[in-house]
Amino acid sequence: MKIHLKIEGLPQLYKILNKKKALDFEFPGQTIRDFAVGLARKYGRGVDQALLDQNRAIDMGLRVAVNFSVLSYENRMDTALHDGDTIHLMTVG
């Protein structure tokens, strides 16, 4: 699956992704969880530290939106994605 990723207010992740605030990313799978695992596999442990909490879910301090719809924390890791979706990762606040 190929998605568009946009990063807002995450300097640690921005540095890991070679100073890109947006990129197209291909990964196997169909959920936010699969996306996060794929991103960590491609870019390394720093992605885990920048995005994930101890339960391997995207940290509560980050807001995740798919095509401008903000996802609730409780269910977002299992949210289905579709080819061409845009994922926005943002700091809360």
PDB file of N, CA and C in Angstrom:
ATOM      1  N   MET A   1       0.850  -1.171   0.000  1.00  0.00           N
ATOM      2  CA  MET A   1       0.000   0.000   0.000  1.00  0.00           C
ATOM      3  C   MET A   1       0.892   1.229   0.000  1.00  0.00           C
ATOM      4  N   LYS A   2       0.444   2.254  -0.679  1.00  0.00           N
ATOM      5  CA  LYS A   2       1.193   3.509  -0.717  1.00  0.00           C
ATOM      6  C   LYS A   2       0.325   4.623  -0.133  1.00  0.00           C
ATOM      7  N   ILE A   3       0.886   5.333   0.835  1.00  0.00           N
ATOM      8  CA  ILE A   3       0.189   6.468   1.457  1.00  0.00           C
ATOM      9  C   ILE A   3       1.079   7.704   1.376  1.00  0.00           C
ATOM     10  N   HIS A   4       0.473   8.837   1.632  1.00  0.00           N
ATOM     11  CA  HIS A   4       1.203  10.100   1.742  1.00  0.00           C
ATOM     12  C   HIS A   4       1.310  10.406   3.230  1.00  0.00           C
ATOM     13  N   LEU A   5       2.488  10.749   3.689  1.00  0.00           N
ATOM     14  CA  LEU A   5       2.715  11.078   5.090  1.00  0.00           C
ATOM     15  C   LEU A   5       3.076  12.548   5.200  1.00  0.00           C
ATOM     16  N   LYS A   6       2.405  13.249   6.118  1.00  0.00           N
ATOM     17  CA  LYS A   6       2.724  14.648   6.407  1.00  0.00           C
ATOM     18  C   LYS A   6       3.020  14.757   7.896  1.00  0.00           C
ATOM     19  N   ILE A   7       4.120  15.420   8.225  1.00  0.00           N
ATOM     20  CA  ILE A   7       4.581  15.534   9.601  1.00  0.00           C
ATOM     21  C   ILE A   7       4.539  16.995  10.017  1.00  0.00           C
ATOM     22  N   GLU A   8       3.918  17.254  11.174  1.00  0.00           N
ATOM     23  CA  GLU A   8       3.808  18.620  11.675  1.00  0.00           C
ATOM     24  C   GLU A   8       4.214  18.654  13.143  1.00  0.00           C
ATOM     25  N   GLY A   9       5.301  19.377  13.441  1.00  0.00           N
ATOM     26  CA  GLY A   9       5.710  19.579  14.825  1.00  0.00           C
ATOM     27  C   GLY A   9       6.407  18.405  15.473  1.00  0.00           C
ATOM     28  N   LEU A  10       7.070  17.564  14.699  1.00  0.00           N
ATOM     29  CA  LEU A  10       7.797  16.420  15.254  1.00  0.00           C
ATOM     30  C   LEU A  10       9.255  16.468  14.790  1.00  0.00           C
ATOM     31  N   PRO A  11      10.066  17.342  15.396  1.00  0.00           N
ATOM     32  CA  PRO A  11      11.432  17.533  14.909  1.00  0.00           C
ATOM     33  C   PRO A  11      12.281  16.264  14.929  1.00  0.00           C
ATOM     34  N   GLN A  12      12.081  15.396  15.903  1.00  0.00           N
ATOM     35  CA  GLN A  12      12.861  14.162  15.973  1.00  0.00           C
ATOM     36  C   GLN A  12      12.568  13.278  14.756  1.00  0.00           C
ATOM     37  N   LEU A  13      11.291  13.154  14.401  1.00  0.00           N
ATOM     38  CA  LEU A  13      10.917  12.344  13.239  1.00  0.00           C
ATOM     39  C   LEU A  13      11.358  13.023  11.942  1.00  0.00           C
ATOM     40  N   TYR A  14      11.238  14.319  11.904  1.00  0.00           N
ATOM     41  CA  TYR A  14      11.672  15.105  10.753  1.00  0.00           C
ATOM     42  C   TYR A  14      13.152  14.828  10.446  1.00  0.00           C
ATOM     43  N   LYS A  15      13.989  14.782  11.463  1.00  0.00           N
ATOM     44  CA  LYS A  15      15.411  14.509  11.273  1.00  0.00           C
ATOM     45  C   LYS A  15      15.644  13.085  10.784  1.00  0.00           C
ATOM     46  N   ILE A  16      14.929  12.125  11.348  1.00  0.00           N
ATOM     47  CA  ILE A  16      15.075  10.723  10.958  1.00  0.00           C
ATOM     48  C   ILE A  16      14.727  10.535   9.485  1.00  0.00           C
ATOM     49  N   LEU A  17      13.742  11.280   9.011  1.00  0.00           N
ATOM     50  CA  LEU A  17      13.278  11.144   7.624  1.00  0.00           C
ATOM     51  C   LEU A  17      14.033  12.080   6.681  1.00  0.00           C
ATOM     52  N   ASN A  18      15.271  12.373   7.031  1.00  0.00           N
ATOM     53  CA  ASN A  18      16.141  13.191   6.179  1.00  0.00           C
ATOM     54  C   ASN A  18      15.568  14.568   5.885  1.00  0.00           C
ATOM     55  N   LYS A  19      15.026  15.186   6.921  1.00  0.00           N
ATOM     56  CA  LYS A  19      14.502  16.556   6.867  1.00  0.00           C
ATOM     57  C   LYS A  19      13.338  16.717   5.894  1.00  0.00           C
ATOM     58  N   LYS A  20      12.557  15.657   5.784  1.00  0.00           N
ATOM     59  CA  LYS A  20      11.355  15.719   4.950  1.00  0.00           C
ATOM     60  C   LYS A  20      10.142  15.859   5.859  1.00  0.00           C
ATOM     61  N   LYS A  21       9.268  16.777   5.538  1.00  0.00           N
ATOM     62  CA  LYS A  21       8.028  16.942   6.297  1.00  0.00           C
ATOM     63  C   LYS A  21       6.870  16.249   5.593  1.00  0.00           C
ATOM     64  N   ALA A  22       7.128  15.726   4.409  1.00  0.00           N
ATOM     65  CA  ALA A  22       6.118  14.980   3.668  1.00  0.00           C
ATOM     66  C   ALA A  22       6.836  13.972   2.783  1.00  0.00           C
ATOM     67  N   LEU A  23       6.242  12.806   2.644  1.00  0.00           N
ATOM     68  CA  LEU A  23       6.795  11.799   1.753  1.00  0.00           C
ATOM     69  C   LEU A  23       5.729  10.777   1.404  1.00  0.00           C
ATOM     70  N   ASP A  24       5.961  10.090   0.302  1.00  0.00           N
ATOM     71  CA  ASP A  24       5.132   8.952  -0.058  1.00  0.00           C
ATOM     72  C   ASP A  24       5.817   7.725   0.526  1.00  0.00           C
ATOM     73  N   PHE A  25       5.022   6.837   1.110  1.00  0.00           N
ATOM     74  CA  PHE A  25       5.588   5.689   1.811  1.00  0.00           C
ATOM     75  C   PHE A  25       4.813   4.438   1.452  1.00  0.00           C
ATOM     76  N   GLU A  26       5.533   3.398   1.018  1.00  0.00           N
ATOM     77  CA  GLU A  26       4.917   2.115   0.707  1.00  0.00           C
ATOM     78  C   GLU A  26       5.235   1.126   1.813  1.00  0.00           C
ATOM     79  N   PHE A  27       4.236   0.335   2.193  1.00  0.00           N
ATOM     80  CA  PHE A  27       4.416  -0.650   3.254  1.00  0.00           C
ATOM     81  C   PHE A  27       3.428  -1.787   3.057  1.00  0.00           C
ATOM     82  N   PRO A  28       3.751  -2.969   3.576  1.00  0.00           N
ATOM     83  CA  PRO A  28       2.791  -4.076   3.516  1.00  0.00           C
ATOM     84  C   PRO A  28       1.762  -3.906   4.629  1.00  0.00           C
ATOM     85  N   GLY A  29       0.516  -4.152   4.347  1.00  0.00           N
ATOM     86  CA  GLY A  29      -0.519  -4.076   5.365  1.00  0.00           C
ATOM     87  C   GLY A  29      -1.608  -3.091   5.012  1.00  0.00           C
ATOM     88  N   GLN A  30      -2.540  -2.894   5.978  1.00  0.00           N
ATOM     89  CA  GLN A  30      -3.716  -2.084   5.706  1.00  0.00           C
ATOM     90  C   GLN A  30      -4.175  -1.240   6.879  1.00  0.00           C
ATOM     91  N   THR A  31      -3.386  -1.146   7.944  1.00  0.00           N
ATOM     92  CA  THR A  31      -3.819  -0.398   9.128  1.00  0.00           C
ATOM     93  C   THR A  31      -2.741   0.604   9.564  1.00  0.00           C
ATOM     94  N   ILE A  32      -3.125   1.482  10.474  1.00  0.00           N
ATOM     95  CA  ILE A  32      -2.171   2.422  11.068  1.00  0.00           C
ATOM     96  C   ILE A  32      -1.044   1.639  11.749  1.00  0.00           C
ATOM     97  N   ARG A  33      -1.375   0.538  12.404  1.00  0.00           N
ATOM     98  CA  ARG A  33      -0.358  -0.303  13.057  1.00  0.00           C
ATOM     99  C   ARG A  33       0.657  -0.792  12.017  1.00  0.00           C
ATOM    100  N   ASP A  34       0.163  -1.305  10.888  1.00  0.00           N
ATOM    101  CA  ASP A  34       1.048  -1.785   9.825  1.00  0.00           C
ATOM    102  C   ASP A  34       1.922  -0.644   9.293  1.00  0.00           C
ATOM    103  N   PHE A  35       1.340   0.538   9.169  1.00  0.00           N
ATOM    104  CA  PHE A  35       2.096   1.710   8.735  1.00  0.00           C
ATOM    105  C   PHE A  35       3.232   2.017   9.711  1.00  0.00           C
ATOM    106  N   ALA A  36       2.934   2.045  11.014  1.00  0.00           N
ATOM    107  CA  ALA A  36       3.940   2.376  12.028  1.00  0.00           C
ATOM    108  C   ALA A  36       5.062   1.339  12.037  1.00  0.00           C
ATOM    109  N   VAL A  37       4.710   0.068  11.938  1.00  0.00           N
ATOM    110  CA  VAL A  37       5.712  -0.999  11.899  1.00  0.00           C
ATOM    111  C   VAL A  37       6.578  -0.863  10.644  1.00  0.00           C
ATOM    112  N   GLY A  38       5.953  -0.608   9.502  1.00  0.00           N
ATOM    113  CA  GLY A  38       6.699  -0.440   8.258  1.00  0.00           C
ATOM    114  C   GLY A  38       7.643   0.746   8.293  1.00  0.00           C
ATOM    115  N   LEU A  39       7.198   1.848   8.878  1.00  0.00           N
ATOM    116  CA  LEU A  39       8.026   3.045   8.985  1.00  0.00           C
ATOM    117  C   LEU A  39       9.244   2.771   9.871  1.00  0.00           C
ATOM    118  N   ALA A  40       9.018   2.067  10.978  1.00  0.00           N
ATOM    119  CA  ALA A  40      10.118   1.717  11.889  1.00  0.00           C
ATOM    120  C   ALA A  40      11.095   0.756  11.220  1.00  0.00           C
ATOM    121  N   ARG A  41      10.598  -0.190  10.451  1.00  0.00           N
ATOM    122  CA  ARG A  41      11.487  -1.125   9.749  1.00  0.00           C
ATOM    123  C   ARG A  41      12.371  -0.396   8.748  1.00  0.00           C
ATOM    124  N   LYS A  42      11.800   0.553   8.044  1.00  0.00           N
ATOM    125  CA  LYS A  42      12.563   1.255   7.016  1.00  0.00           C
ATOM    126  C   LYS A  42      13.550   2.264   7.598  1.00  0.00           C
ATOM    127  N   TYR A  43      13.130   3.014   8.632  1.00  0.00           N
ATOM    128  CA  TYR A  43      13.945   4.121   9.128  1.00  0.00           C
ATOM    129  C   TYR A  43      14.612   3.857  10.472  1.00  0.00           C
ATOM    130  N   GLY A  44      14.314   2.737  11.109  1.00  0.00           N
ATOM    131  CA  GLY A  44      15.043   2.360  12.308  1.00  0.00           C
ATOM    132  C   GLY A  44      14.388   2.701  13.638  1.00  0.00           C
ATOM    133  N   ARG A  45      15.147   2.391  14.681  1.00  0.00           N
ATOM    134  CA  ARG A  45      14.683   2.502  16.071  1.00  0.00           C
ATOM    135  C   ARG A  45      14.264   3.920  16.459  1.00  0.00           C
ATOM    136  N   GLY A  46      14.846   4.921  15.849  1.00  0.00           N
ATOM    137  CA  GLY A  46      14.478   6.296  16.158  1.00  0.00           C
ATOM    138  C   GLY A  46      13.007   6.571  15.912  1.00  0.00           C
ATOM    139  N   VAL A  47      12.419   5.890  14.929  1.00  0.00           N
ATOM    140  CA  VAL A  47      10.989   6.054  14.655  1.00  0.00           C
ATOM    141  C   VAL A  47      10.180   5.542  15.838  1.00  0.00           C
ATOM    142  N   ASP A  48      10.566   4.385  16.379  1.00  0.00           N
ATOM    143  CA  ASP A  48       9.887   3.853  17.567  1.00  0.00           C
ATOM    144  C   ASP A  48       9.915   4.876  18.698  1.00  0.00           C
ATOM    145  N   GLN A  49      11.074   5.464  18.927  1.00  0.00           N
ATOM    146  CA  GLN A  49      11.225   6.421  20.015  1.00  0.00           C
ATOM    147  C   GLN A  49      10.433   7.700  19.761  1.00  0.00           C
ATOM    148  N   ALA A  50      10.331   8.113  18.507  1.00  0.00           N
ATOM    149  CA  ALA A  50       9.624   9.348  18.178  1.00  0.00           C
ATOM    150  C   ALA A  50       8.111   9.166  18.163  1.00  0.00           C
ATOM    151  N   LEU A  51       7.634   7.962  17.850  1.00  0.00           N
ATOM    152  CA  LEU A  51       6.194   7.755  17.644  1.00  0.00           C
ATOM    153  C   LEU A  51       5.480   6.883  18.668  1.00  0.00           C
ATOM    154  N   LEU A  52       6.146   5.845  19.128  1.00  0.00           N
ATOM    155  CA  LEU A  52       5.425   4.790  19.855  1.00  0.00           C
ATOM    156  C   LEU A  52       5.628   4.847  21.361  1.00  0.00           C
ATOM    157  N   ASP A  53       4.597   4.408  22.083  1.00  0.00           N
ATOM    158  CA  ASP A  53       4.693   4.298  23.537  1.00  0.00           C
ATOM    159  C   ASP A  53       5.152   2.886  23.907  1.00  0.00           C
ATOM    160  N   GLN A  54       5.165   2.557  25.192  1.00  0.00           N
ATOM    161  CA  GLN A  54       5.636   1.249  25.644  1.00  0.00           C
ATOM    162  C   GLN A  54       4.746   0.099  25.189  1.00  0.00           C
ATOM    163  N   ASN A  55       3.514   0.384  24.781  1.00  0.00           N
ATOM    164  CA  ASN A  55       2.606  -0.652  24.274  1.00  0.00           C
ATOM    165  C   ASN A  55       2.674  -0.787  22.757  1.00  0.00           C
ATOM    166  N   ARG A  56       3.642  -0.081  22.136  1.00  0.00           N
ATOM    167  CA  ARG A  56       3.834  -0.092  20.686  1.00  0.00           C
ATOM    168  C   ARG A  56       2.654   0.514  19.940  1.00  0.00           C
ATOM    169  N   ALA A  57       1.971   1.450  20.590  1.00  0.00           N
ATOM    170  CA  ALA A  57       0.905   2.240  19.960  1.00  0.00           C
ATOM    171  C   ALA A  57       1.447   3.655  19.765  1.00  0.00           C
ATOM    172  N   ILE A  58       0.887   4.375  18.806  1.00  0.00           N
ATOM    173  CA  ILE A  58       1.317   5.750  18.608  1.00  0.00           C
ATOM    174  C   ILE A  58       1.016   6.529  19.884  1.00  0.00           C
ATOM    175  N   ASP A  59       2.011   7.220  20.366  1.00  0.00           N
ATOM    176  CA  ASP A  59       1.954   7.911  21.648  1.00  0.00           C
ATOM    177  C   ASP A  59       0.741   8.834  21.764  1.00  0.00           C
ATOM    178  N   MET A  60       0.196   8.919  22.989  1.00  0.00           N
ATOM    179  CA  MET A  60      -0.961   9.784  23.247  1.00  0.00           C
ATOM    180  C   MET A  60      -0.659  11.257  22.980  1.00  0.00           C
ATOM    181  N   GLY A  61       0.603  11.638  23.040  1.00  0.00           N
ATOM    182  CA  GLY A  61       0.992  13.019  22.809  1.00  0.00           C
ATOM    183  C   GLY A  61       0.986  13.411  21.339  1.00  0.00           C
ATOM    184  N   LEU A  62       0.624  12.467  20.488  1.00  0.00           N
ATOM    185  CA  LEU A  62       0.577  12.740  19.053  1.00  0.00           C
ATOM    186  C   LEU A  62      -0.847  12.587  18.536  1.00  0.00           C
ATOM    187  N   ARG A  63      -1.186  13.455  17.639  1.00  0.00           N
ATOM    188  CA  ARG A  63      -2.493  13.399  16.976  1.00  0.00           C
ATOM    189  C   ARG A  63      -2.277  12.756  15.611  1.00  0.00           C
ATOM    190  N   VAL A  64      -3.185  11.848  15.249  1.00  0.00           N
ATOM    191  CA  VAL A  64      -3.127  11.168  13.961  1.00  0.00           C
ATOM    192  C   VAL A  64      -4.419  11.464  13.215  1.00  0.00           C
ATOM    193  N   ALA A  65      -4.276  11.893  11.978  1.00  0.00           N
ATOM    194  CA  ALA A  65      -5.436  12.131  11.127  1.00  0.00           C
ATOM    195  C   ALA A  65      -5.227  11.397   9.811  1.00  0.00           C
ATOM    196  N   VAL A  66      -6.298  10.847   9.296  1.00  0.00           N
ATOM    197  CA  VAL A  66      -6.281  10.225   7.979  1.00  0.00           C
ATOM    198  C   VAL A  66      -7.223  11.025   7.104  1.00  0.00           C
ATOM    199  N   ASN A  67      -6.669  11.589   6.055  1.00  0.00           N
ATOM    200  CA  ASN A  67      -7.454  12.438   5.142  1.00  0.00           C
ATOM    201  C   ASN A  67      -8.219  13.515   5.918  1.00  0.00           C
ATOM    202  N   PHE A  68      -7.559  14.131   6.878  1.00  0.00           N
ATOM    203  CA  PHE A  68      -8.073  15.237   7.706  1.00  0.00           C
ATOM    204  C   PHE A  68      -9.097  14.817   8.764  1.00  0.00           C
ATOM    205  N   SER A  69      -9.373  13.531   8.912  1.00  0.00           N
ATOM    206  CA  SER A  69     -10.237  13.055   9.999  1.00  0.00           C
ATOM    207  C   SER A  69      -9.348  12.605  11.148  1.00  0.00           C
ATOM    208  N   VAL A  70      -9.436  13.312  12.279  1.00  0.00           N
ATOM    209  CA  VAL A  70      -8.614  12.986  13.442  1.00  0.00           C
ATOM    210  C   VAL A  70      -9.137  11.691  14.068  1.00  0.00           C
ATOM    211  N   LEU A  71      -8.211  10.787  14.367  1.00  0.00           N
ATOM    212  CA  LEU A  71      -8.570   9.485  14.931  1.00  0.00           C
ATOM    213  C   LEU A  71      -8.510   9.523  16.446  1.00  0.00           C
ATOM    214  N   SER A  72      -9.450   8.852  17.095  1.00  0.00           N
ATOM    215  CA  SER A  72      -9.422   8.768  18.553  1.00  0.00           C
ATOM    216  C   SER A  72      -8.302   7.821  18.974  1.00  0.00           C
ATOM    217  N   TYR A  73      -7.747   8.064  20.145  1.00  0.00           N
ATOM    218  CA  TYR A  73      -6.609   7.282  20.622  1.00  0.00           C
ATOM    219  C   TYR A  73      -6.968   5.803  20.763  1.00  0.00           C
ATOM    220  N   GLU A  74      -8.135   5.501  21.263  1.00  0.00           N
ATOM    221  CA  GLU A  74      -8.505   4.126  21.600  1.00  0.00           C
ATOM    222  C   GLU A  74      -8.473   3.182  20.407  1.00  0.00           C
ATOM    223  N   ASN A  75      -8.878   3.626  19.239  1.00  0.00           N
ATOM    224  CA  ASN A  75      -9.040   2.711  18.107  1.00  0.00           C
ATOM    225  C   ASN A  75      -8.107   2.980  16.937  1.00  0.00           C
ATOM    226  N   ARG A  76      -7.255   3.960  17.056  1.00  0.00           N
ATOM    227  CA  ARG A  76      -6.547   4.400  15.851  1.00  0.00           C
ATOM    228  C   ARG A  76      -5.550   3.392  15.291  1.00  0.00           C
ATOM    229  N   MET A  77      -4.934   2.556  16.086  1.00  0.00           N
ATOM    230  CA  MET A  77      -3.949   1.611  15.562  1.00  0.00           C
ATOM    231  C   MET A  77      -4.571   0.590  14.608  1.00  0.00           C
ATOM    232  N   ASP A  78      -5.849   0.293  14.782  1.00  0.00           N
ATOM    233  CA  ASP A  78      -6.531  -0.678  13.924  1.00  0.00           C
ATOM    234  C   ASP A  78      -7.333  -0.026  12.809  1.00  0.00           C
ATOM    235  N   THR A  79      -7.202   1.279  12.637  1.00  0.00           N
ATOM    236  CA  THR A  79      -7.918   1.988  11.580  1.00  0.00           C
ATOM    237  C   THR A  79      -7.430   1.511  10.218  1.00  0.00           C
ATOM    238  N   ALA A  80      -8.382   1.160   9.363  1.00  0.00           N
ATOM    239  CA  ALA A  80      -8.060   0.692   8.012  1.00  0.00           C
ATOM    240  C   ALA A  80      -7.618   1.862   7.146  1.00  0.00           C
ATOM    241  N   LEU A  81      -6.620   1.601   6.324  1.00  0.00           N
ATOM    242  CA  LEU A  81      -6.127   2.581   5.370  1.00  0.00           C
ATOM    243  C   LEU A  81      -6.418   2.095   3.959  1.00  0.00           C
ATOM    244  N   HIS A  82      -6.411   3.037   3.030  1.00  0.00           N
ATOM    245  CA  HIS A  82      -6.619   2.724   1.623  1.00  0.00           C
ATOM    246  C   HIS A  82      -5.491   3.336   0.817  1.00  0.00           C
ATOM    247  N   ASP A  83      -5.143   2.700  -0.264  1.00  0.00           N
ATOM    248  CA  ASP A  83      -4.088   3.199  -1.125  1.00  0.00           C
ATOM    249  C   ASP A  83      -4.354   4.656  -1.485  1.00  0.00           C
ATOM    250  N   GLY A  84      -3.355   5.506  -1.296  1.00  0.00           N
ATOM    251  CA  GLY A  84      -3.490   6.922  -1.615  1.00  0.00           C
ATOM    252  C   GLY A  84      -3.949   7.798  -0.467  1.00  0.00           C
ATOM    253  N   ASP A  85      -4.283   7.207   0.692  1.00  0.00           N
ATOM    254  CA  ASP A  85      -4.670   8.009   1.857  1.00  0.00           C
ATOM    255  C   ASP A  85      -3.514   8.907   2.281  1.00  0.00           C
ATOM    256  N   THR A  86      -3.847   9.983   2.993  1.00  0.00           N
ATOM    257  CA  THR A  86      -2.847  10.861   3.582  1.00  0.00           C
ATOM    258  C   THR A  86      -2.930  10.738   5.099  1.00  0.00           C
ATOM    259  N   ILE A  87      -1.801  10.425   5.714  1.00  0.00           N
ATOM    260  CA  ILE A  87      -1.699  10.350   7.172  1.00  0.00           C
ATOM    261  C   ILE A  87      -0.983  11.611   7.643  1.00  0.00           C
ATOM    262  N   HIS A  88      -1.612  12.325   8.586  1.00  0.00           N
ATOM    263  CA  HIS A  88      -1.006  13.507   9.204  1.00  0.00           C
ATOM    264  C   HIS A  88      -0.597  13.103  10.619  1.00  0.00           C
ATOM    265  N   LEU A  89       0.669  13.300  10.954  1.00  0.00           N
ATOM    266  CA  LEU A  89       1.159  13.096  12.323  1.00  0.00           C
ATOM    267  C   LEU A  89       1.490  14.459  12.877  1.00  0.00           C
ATOM    268  N   MET A  90       0.869  14.806  14.030  1.00  0.00           N
ATOM    269  CA  MET A  90       1.016  16.143  14.602  1.00  0.00           C
ATOM    270  C   MET A  90       1.184  16.055  16.108  1.00  0.00           C
ATOM    271  N   THR A  91       1.866  17.030  16.669  1.00  0.00           N
ATOM    272  CA  THR A  91       1.910  17.121  18.126  1.00  0.00           C
ATOM    273  C   THR A  91       0.569  17.673  18.617  1.00  0.00           C
ATOM    274  N   VAL A  92       0.201  17.291  19.816  1.00  0.00           N
ATOM    275  CA  VAL A  92      -1.039  17.788  20.429  1.00  0.00           C
ATOM    276  C   VAL A  92      -0.730  19.122  21.091  1.00  0.00           C
ATOM    277  N   GLY A  93      -1.629  20.066  20.906  1.00  0.00           N
ATOM    278  CA  GLY A  93      -1.438  21.329  21.612  1.00  0.00           C
ATOM    279  C   GLY A  93      -1.368  22.522  20.778  1.00  0.00           C
TER     280      GLY A  93
END
